[in-house]
Amino acid sequence: EALKRNDRERLLNEKLTTELRPTLFLAQLSNLLAGNISIVHKVTGSSRTFMGEEAAGISAIETAFARIKAGQSSHTLVGGAFSAERLDIVLMIEAIQGHALGEWHPIWSRKPEDGGGMILGSVGAFLVLESREYAESRGARIYATIDAIGGDRGSREDGRLEARLRYLSKPALELDRQSTVVFSGTSGFHDLAGREKAFLETELAGRPVRAYGGLVGHGIEAQFPVGMVLAALSLGHAAKVPPFDPAAEAPMLAPARAAVVTTIGHSRGEGVAVLAAE
């Protein structure tokens, strides 16, 4: 009986230091979310919480990808969530006059006279990233593979934004135009949306663009994960993704075989990912 009691105590100590680890530091709501997800889905490994608007979602997926590629992890649950109903967030965007006003319009069709151009959206998106070896060993369905992913930040003056996007988009330049879909995570801010649209039409010309923020709203930290999920689903189903803004987006003439996901933070931070179908 004493042996059984000791075994239970040993098991309790083991569980407290592994399965419940993310709940030990709940100073931030994002840690609480990560801890709750870890417990519900029985994630027993270490956890990382990223904060910092759109760049947080970019860095989370980029870090998970890098860890798996380096052999430090075999599989990771990664993503982000955002509540657009928080009054502090609404006030923050209002303080910079960033909200779109009046009737709803798709992102590319929003005009300066209708306000700042952003419509927030409550969204959450999570992906399972894993090495091919691990995915095949458990018989998982592989929706897509990540060929490249990168994030950066810095001044956007004097064409530096376009220079960073050009560098981050290099892996996408050789992709077939008709079967590649670009999921743009533009915030809707008129200046940034215009600069990204001009960049995509020049550097990635001929590849249909889909500004998904017009469907789900702008998800700040979750914006990049949402784009990754949409890209993976499109590639997994070889979809011809319909235009989200018919007046400004061309139709797809071939099923999606590759995808490019972009996110330009409303204040700072840029990220680009390139995905391929199986």
Protein backbone atom coordinates (compact mmCIF):
# COMPACT_ATOMS: atom_id res chain seq x y z
CA GLU A 1 0.00 0.00 0.00
CA ALA A 2 2.88 2.37 0.79
CA LEU A 3 4.39 1.63 -2.61
CA LYS A 4 1.12 2.53 -4.36
CA ARG A 5 0.88 5.77 -2.39
CA ASN A 6 4.43 6.71 -3.35
CA ASP A 7 3.68 5.93 -6.97
CA ARG A 8 0.68 8.28 -6.90
CA GLU A 9 2.77 11.05 -5.36
CA ARG A 10 5.50 10.54 -7.93
CA LEU A 11 2.91 10.64 -10.71
CA LEU A 12 1.38 13.83 -9.28
CA ASN A 13 4.76 15.55 -9.20
CA GLU A 14 5.46 14.46 -12.76
CA LYS A 15 2.12 15.82 -14.01
CA LEU A 16 2.56 19.14 -12.20
CA THR A 17 5.94 19.73 -13.82
CA THR A 18 4.97 18.68 -17.35
CA GLU A 19 1.30 18.72 -18.36
CA LEU A 20 0.40 21.78 -16.27
CA ARG A 21 3.54 23.79 -16.83
CA PRO A 22 1.92 26.53 -18.97
CA THR A 23 -0.48 27.43 -16.12
CA LEU A 24 2.27 28.34 -13.68
CA PHE A 25 2.78 31.81 -15.18
CA LEU A 26 -0.56 33.54 -15.73
CA ALA A 27 0.52 37.18 -15.54
CA GLN A 28 -0.92 37.76 -19.03
CA LEU A 29 -4.18 36.69 -20.67
CA SER A 30 -2.25 35.25 -23.61
CA ASN A 31 -0.49 32.88 -21.17
CA LEU A 32 -3.88 31.88 -19.78
CA LEU A 33 -5.09 31.05 -23.30
CA ALA A 34 -1.94 29.04 -24.05
CA GLY A 35 -2.22 27.19 -20.76
CA ASN A 36 -5.88 26.34 -21.29
CA ILE A 37 -5.23 25.06 -24.81
CA SER A 38 -2.30 22.98 -23.59
CA ILE A 39 -4.43 21.31 -20.91
CA VAL A 40 -7.47 20.69 -23.11
CA HIS A 41 -5.39 19.19 -25.92
CA LYS A 42 -2.91 17.47 -23.57
CA VAL A 43 0.13 19.32 -24.86
CA THR A 44 2.82 18.19 -22.45
CA GLY A 45 5.89 19.85 -23.91
CA SER A 46 7.17 23.37 -23.37
CA SER A 47 5.20 26.43 -24.48
CA ARG A 48 6.07 29.85 -25.85
CA THR A 49 3.83 32.93 -25.75
CA PHE A 50 4.43 35.78 -28.16
CA MET A 51 3.03 39.29 -27.74
CA GLY A 52 3.33 42.26 -30.07
CA GLU A 53 0.41 42.68 -32.47
CA GLU A 54 0.73 41.18 -35.98
CA ALA A 55 4.43 40.43 -35.50
CA ALA A 56 3.57 38.06 -32.65
CA GLY A 57 1.59 35.74 -34.94
CA ILE A 58 4.35 35.87 -37.55
CA SER A 59 7.09 35.11 -35.02
CA ALA A 60 5.13 32.25 -33.44
CA ILE A 61 4.81 30.32 -36.70
CA GLU A 62 8.29 31.24 -37.88
CA THR A 63 9.80 29.99 -34.60
CA ALA A 64 7.83 26.74 -34.68
CA PHE A 65 8.92 26.14 -38.28
CA ALA A 66 12.57 26.83 -37.42
CA ARG A 67 12.52 24.50 -34.40
CA ILE A 68 11.12 21.62 -36.42
CA LYS A 69 13.49 22.23 -39.33
CA ALA A 70 16.43 22.22 -36.91
CA GLY A 71 15.30 18.94 -35.33
CA GLN A 72 14.51 20.57 -31.96
CA SER A 73 10.84 19.60 -32.21
CA SER A 74 8.94 16.95 -34.12
CA HIS A 75 5.51 18.59 -33.89
CA THR A 76 4.00 21.81 -32.58
CA LEU A 77 0.57 23.34 -32.06
CA VAL A 78 0.86 26.99 -33.05
CA GLY A 79 -1.54 29.82 -33.76
CA GLY A 80 -3.22 32.90 -32.37
CA ALA A 81 -6.53 34.38 -31.28
CA PHE A 82 -7.94 37.88 -31.12
CA SER A 83 -11.10 39.41 -29.65
CA ALA A 84 -12.27 42.46 -31.56
CA GLU A 85 -14.85 43.31 -28.88
CA ARG A 86 -12.27 44.50 -26.36
CA LEU A 87 -12.94 48.18 -25.76
CA ASP A 88 -9.25 48.97 -25.30
CA ILE A 89 -8.53 47.62 -28.80
CA VAL A 90 -11.45 49.54 -30.29
CA LEU A 91 -10.20 52.70 -28.58
CA MET A 92 -6.64 52.11 -29.79
CA ILE A 93 -7.71 51.95 -33.44
CA GLU A 94 -10.11 54.84 -32.98
CA ALA A 95 -7.32 56.96 -31.48
CA ILE A 96 -5.42 56.78 -34.77
CA GLN A 97 -8.64 57.15 -36.80
CA GLY A 98 -8.09 53.73 -38.30
CA HIS A 99 -11.64 52.35 -38.37
CA ALA A 100 -13.52 52.08 -41.66
CA LEU A 101 -16.78 54.02 -41.50
CA GLY A 102 -20.09 53.83 -43.28
CA GLU A 103 -21.18 50.78 -45.24
CA TRP A 104 -19.02 47.66 -45.49
CA HIS A 105 -16.73 47.31 -48.51
CA PRO A 106 -14.08 44.71 -49.42
CA ILE A 107 -10.58 45.83 -48.48
CA TRP A 108 -9.33 46.94 -51.88
CA SER A 109 -12.55 48.90 -52.50
CA ARG A 110 -12.41 50.97 -49.32
CA LYS A 111 -11.94 54.69 -49.92
CA PRO A 112 -10.26 57.33 -47.70
CA GLU A 113 -13.53 59.22 -47.43
CA ASP A 114 -15.00 56.14 -45.68
CA GLY A 115 -12.57 56.33 -42.76
CA GLY A 116 -9.23 54.71 -41.96
CA GLY A 117 -9.89 51.42 -43.75
CA MET A 118 -9.66 48.81 -40.97
CA ILE A 119 -12.50 46.56 -39.82
CA LEU A 120 -11.50 44.41 -36.85
CA GLY A 121 -12.63 40.79 -36.56
CA SER A 122 -12.69 38.26 -33.72
CA VAL A 123 -10.78 35.27 -35.03
CA GLY A 124 -8.71 32.33 -33.88
CA ALA A 125 -6.57 30.00 -35.96
CA PHE A 126 -4.26 27.15 -34.97
CA LEU A 127 -2.18 24.72 -37.00
CA VAL A 128 -0.31 21.52 -36.29
CA LEU A 129 3.17 21.88 -37.74
CA GLU A 130 5.21 18.68 -37.83
CA SER A 131 8.13 17.12 -39.59
CA ARG A 132 7.28 14.95 -42.54
CA GLU A 133 8.67 11.91 -40.75
CA TYR A 134 6.43 12.45 -37.74
CA ALA A 135 3.34 13.20 -39.84
CA GLU A 136 3.79 10.07 -41.93
CA SER A 137 4.47 7.92 -38.86
CA ARG A 138 1.05 8.77 -37.41
CA GLY A 139 -0.77 8.63 -40.74
CA ALA A 140 -1.75 12.30 -40.67
CA ARG A 141 -3.32 14.01 -43.63
CA ILE A 142 -0.82 16.56 -44.94
CA TYR A 143 -2.64 19.62 -46.25
CA ALA A 144 0.45 21.51 -47.36
CA THR A 145 4.14 21.99 -46.72
CA ILE A 146 5.90 25.21 -45.78
CA ASP A 147 8.74 25.91 -48.19
CA ALA A 148 9.84 29.20 -46.64
CA ILE A 149 8.74 31.66 -43.98
CA GLY A 150 10.24 34.88 -42.71
CA GLY A 151 9.44 37.96 -40.70
CA ASP A 152 11.10 41.33 -40.23
CA ARG A 153 10.46 44.82 -38.96
CA GLY A 154 11.91 48.27 -39.30
CA SER A 155 11.36 51.67 -40.85
CA ARG A 156 8.95 51.86 -43.77
CA GLU A 157 10.26 55.12 -45.13
CA ASP A 158 12.10 55.57 -48.44
CA GLY A 159 10.93 52.25 -49.92
CA ARG A 160 12.28 50.13 -47.06
CA LEU A 161 8.96 48.34 -46.66
CA GLU A 162 9.01 47.24 -50.29
CA ALA A 163 12.67 46.24 -49.99
CA ARG A 164 11.87 43.94 -47.06
CA LEU A 165 8.85 42.47 -48.82
CA ARG A 166 11.00 41.86 -51.90
CA TYR A 167 13.58 40.00 -49.80
CA LEU A 168 10.96 37.96 -47.92
CA SER A 169 9.13 37.08 -51.17
CA LYS A 170 12.16 35.76 -53.05
CA PRO A 171 11.14 32.08 -52.66
CA ALA A 172 7.83 32.87 -54.38
CA LEU A 173 9.26 34.38 -57.55
CA GLU A 174 9.68 31.04 -59.34
CA LEU A 175 6.17 29.78 -58.58
CA ASP A 176 3.77 29.13 -61.44
CA ARG A 177 1.53 32.15 -61.81
CA GLN A 178 -1.78 30.52 -62.63
CA SER A 179 -1.71 27.91 -59.85
CA THR A 180 -0.34 30.20 -57.12
CA VAL A 181 -2.73 32.14 -54.90
CA VAL A 182 -1.58 35.04 -52.72
CA PHE A 183 -3.41 35.47 -49.41
CA SER A 184 -2.86 39.08 -48.42
CA GLY A 185 -3.23 39.91 -44.74
CA THR A 186 -3.37 43.64 -45.36
CA SER A 187 -4.91 45.63 -42.52
CA GLY A 188 -6.98 47.81 -44.82
CA PHE A 189 -5.18 51.02 -43.87
CA HIS A 190 -5.26 52.92 -47.14
CA ASP A 191 -1.58 53.75 -47.44
CA LEU A 192 -0.35 50.29 -46.45
CA ALA A 193 -2.98 48.48 -48.53
CA GLY A 194 -2.07 50.58 -51.56
CA ARG A 195 1.66 49.95 -51.13
CA GLU A 196 1.17 46.19 -50.73
CA LYS A 197 -1.19 45.98 -53.71
CA ALA A 198 1.32 47.86 -55.88
CA PHE A 199 4.10 45.54 -54.69
CA LEU A 200 2.10 42.38 -55.40
CA GLU A 201 1.05 43.62 -58.84
CA THR A 202 4.68 44.37 -59.69
CA GLU A 203 6.77 41.65 -57.99
CA LEU A 204 4.23 38.81 -58.00
CA ALA A 205 2.36 39.87 -61.11
CA GLY A 206 -0.12 37.43 -62.61
CA ARG A 207 -0.72 35.54 -59.36
CA PRO A 208 -4.29 36.06 -58.09
CA VAL A 209 -4.51 37.90 -54.77
CA ARG A 210 -7.09 37.33 -52.03
CA ALA A 211 -7.31 39.89 -49.19
CA TYR A 212 -8.82 37.64 -46.54
CA GLY A 213 -9.26 40.44 -43.98
CA GLY A 214 -12.30 41.43 -46.02
CA LEU A 215 -13.92 38.13 -45.02
CA VAL A 216 -12.92 37.64 -41.38
CA GLY A 217 -11.90 41.15 -40.36
CA HIS A 218 -8.42 42.12 -39.26
CA GLY A 219 -7.23 39.82 -36.50
CA ILE A 220 -4.06 41.63 -35.31
CA GLU A 221 -2.06 38.85 -33.56
CA ALA A 222 -4.09 36.14 -35.30
CA GLN A 223 -3.91 37.67 -38.78
CA PHE A 224 -0.93 35.69 -40.06
CA PRO A 225 -2.14 32.34 -38.61
CA VAL A 226 -5.53 32.87 -40.29
CA GLY A 227 -3.80 33.36 -43.63
CA MET A 228 -1.74 30.21 -43.10
CA VAL A 229 -4.87 28.18 -42.33
CA LEU A 230 -6.70 29.47 -45.41
CA ALA A 231 -3.66 28.71 -47.58
CA ALA A 232 -3.32 25.18 -46.20
CA LEU A 233 -7.02 24.42 -46.70
CA SER A 234 -6.93 25.78 -50.25
CA LEU A 235 -3.91 23.67 -51.15
CA GLY A 236 -5.26 20.60 -49.39
CA HIS A 237 -8.41 20.75 -51.50
CA ALA A 238 -6.77 22.00 -54.73
CA ALA A 239 -9.26 24.85 -54.67
CA LYS A 240 -9.87 27.60 -57.16
CA VAL A 241 -10.27 30.29 -54.52
CA PRO A 242 -13.00 32.73 -55.59
CA PRO A 243 -12.33 36.47 -55.46
CA PHE A 244 -13.05 38.13 -52.12
CA ASP A 245 -13.29 41.52 -53.86
CA PRO A 246 -14.56 40.84 -57.42
CA ALA A 247 -13.95 44.42 -58.50
CA ALA A 248 -10.23 44.23 -57.69
CA GLU A 249 -9.22 40.55 -57.70
CA ALA A 250 -8.80 38.29 -60.71
CA PRO A 251 -10.32 34.79 -60.80
CA MET A 252 -8.13 31.70 -60.52
CA LEU A 253 -7.80 29.78 -63.79
CA ALA A 254 -6.18 26.69 -62.26
CA PRO A 255 -6.43 24.78 -58.95
CA ALA A 256 -4.12 26.05 -56.23
CA ARG A 257 -0.76 24.24 -56.11
CA ALA A 258 1.17 26.90 -54.20
CA ALA A 259 0.30 29.79 -51.92
CA VAL A 260 1.93 32.94 -50.60
CA VAL A 261 0.74 34.43 -47.30
CA THR A 262 1.54 38.03 -46.41
CA THR A 263 0.87 40.15 -43.36
CA ILE A 264 1.91 43.77 -42.97
CA GLY A 265 1.36 44.97 -39.42
CA HIS A 266 -0.85 48.03 -39.07
CA SER A 267 1.99 49.70 -37.16
CA ARG A 268 5.09 47.55 -37.64
CA GLY A 269 6.24 44.06 -38.58
CA GLU A 270 6.01 42.15 -41.88
CA GLY A 271 5.86 38.45 -42.67
CA VAL A 272 5.71 36.25 -45.77
CA ALA A 273 5.28 32.47 -46.05
CA VAL A 274 5.40 30.22 -49.11
CA LEU A 275 3.44 26.96 -49.06
CA ALA A 276 3.18 24.10 -51.53
CA ALA A 277 0.59 21.39 -52.08
CA GLU A 278 1.46 17.75 -51.59
